Amino acid sequence: MTNQHRFMDNRLSQKTERHRQITARYDLWYSLNDLGAGLMFVIGSILFFSEATQTPATWLFLTGSILFTVRPTIRVVQDIHLRRLSHNN
């Protein structure tokens, strides 16, 4: 994963041990979020084959879409967290 999407100095994630720990935590949340979104779409796709389960499938698609919307939010919050940590040190 590259850090090219960040709006601040990419080196900030490696500045101190604490920065590295925070970056690792946010990377874990980012990956878990992606996994959850992907699972929602796969399960929703399977459920969509049956007319009887199309409503739960639609809800899973919506949930997966929301999780994909959370993706950039995780990165923005991480960047703000790292920036504040740097200003406090």
Protein backbone atom coordinates (compact mmCIF):
# COMPACT_ATOMS: atom_id res chain seq x y z
CA MET A 1 0.00 0.00 0.00
CA THR A 2 1.33 3.39 -0.94
CA ASN A 3 0.84 6.63 0.92
CA GLN A 4 0.45 8.78 -2.20
CA HIS A 5 -3.17 9.64 -1.36
CA ARG A 6 -2.25 11.41 1.86
CA PHE A 7 -2.59 15.18 2.01
CA MET A 8 0.35 15.50 4.37
CA ASP A 9 3.97 14.38 4.57
CA ASN A 10 4.11 10.64 3.87
CA ARG A 11 7.09 10.30 6.21
CA LEU A 12 4.89 11.25 9.15
CA SER A 13 3.62 7.67 9.54
CA GLN A 14 7.19 6.56 10.35
CA LYS A 15 8.34 9.58 12.37
CA THR A 16 8.38 7.86 15.79
CA GLU A 17 7.50 4.50 17.26
CA ARG A 18 4.15 5.95 18.38
CA HIS A 19 3.46 7.15 14.82
CA ARG A 20 4.21 3.66 13.53
CA GLN A 21 1.87 2.09 16.10
CA ILE A 22 -0.95 4.45 15.20
CA THR A 23 -0.40 3.84 11.49
CA ALA A 24 -0.49 0.07 12.05
CA ARG A 25 -3.76 0.38 13.99
CA TYR A 26 -5.43 2.45 11.29
CA ASP A 27 -4.11 0.11 8.57
CA LEU A 28 -5.73 -2.79 10.43
CA TRP A 29 -9.07 -0.95 10.61
CA TYR A 30 -8.78 -0.06 6.92
CA SER A 31 -8.18 -3.70 5.99
CA LEU A 32 -10.97 -5.01 8.22
CA ASN A 33 -13.33 -2.45 6.72
CA ASP A 34 -12.39 -3.58 3.20
CA LEU A 35 -12.87 -7.22 4.16
CA GLY A 36 -16.29 -6.45 5.64
CA ALA A 37 -17.37 -4.52 2.56
CA GLY A 38 -16.22 -7.28 0.26
CA LEU A 39 -18.01 -9.94 2.29
CA MET A 40 -21.22 -7.89 2.26
CA PHE A 41 -21.12 -7.77 -1.53
CA VAL A 42 -20.27 -11.45 -1.99
CA ILE A 43 -22.95 -12.64 0.44
CA GLY A 44 -25.43 -10.15 -0.99
CA SER A 45 -24.69 -11.42 -4.50
CA ILE A 46 -25.31 -15.02 -3.45
CA LEU A 47 -28.55 -14.10 -1.68
CA PHE A 48 -29.72 -12.14 -4.72
CA PHE A 49 -30.07 -15.37 -6.73
CA SER A 50 -33.20 -16.27 -4.79
CA GLU A 51 -36.24 -14.03 -4.92
CA ALA A 52 -37.01 -14.93 -1.30
CA THR A 53 -33.72 -13.41 -0.07
CA GLN A 54 -33.50 -10.33 -2.29
CA THR A 55 -34.46 -7.94 0.51
CA PRO A 56 -31.62 -9.08 2.83
CA ALA A 57 -29.31 -9.04 -0.21
CA THR A 58 -30.24 -5.42 -0.89
CA TRP A 59 -29.46 -4.52 2.73
CA LEU A 60 -26.08 -6.24 2.44
CA PHE A 61 -25.32 -4.25 -0.73
CA LEU A 62 -26.23 -1.05 1.08
CA THR A 63 -24.07 -2.00 4.07
CA GLY A 64 -21.15 -2.81 1.76
CA SER A 65 -21.56 0.53 0.03
CA ILE A 66 -21.52 2.36 3.35
CA LEU A 67 -18.36 0.51 4.35
CA PHE A 68 -16.71 1.57 1.09
CA THR A 69 -17.65 5.14 1.96
CA VAL A 70 -15.96 4.72 5.35
CA ARG A 71 -12.63 3.87 3.64
CA PRO A 72 -11.47 7.43 2.94
CA THR A 73 -12.80 8.56 6.31
CA ILE A 74 -10.41 6.16 8.05
CA ARG A 75 -7.47 7.67 6.17
CA VAL A 76 -8.49 11.26 6.90
CA VAL A 77 -8.92 10.51 10.61
CA GLN A 78 -5.52 8.76 10.62
CA ASP A 79 -3.83 11.73 8.98
CA ILE A 80 -5.40 14.14 11.47
CA HIS A 81 -4.37 11.88 14.36
CA LEU A 82 -0.75 11.71 13.15
CA ARG A 83 -0.63 15.45 12.54
CA ARG A 84 -1.90 16.22 16.05
CA LEU A 85 0.58 13.78 17.55
CA SER A 86 3.42 15.55 15.72
CA HIS A 87 2.29 18.95 16.95
CA ASN A 88 2.16 17.66 20.54
CA ASN A 89 5.71 16.28 20.41
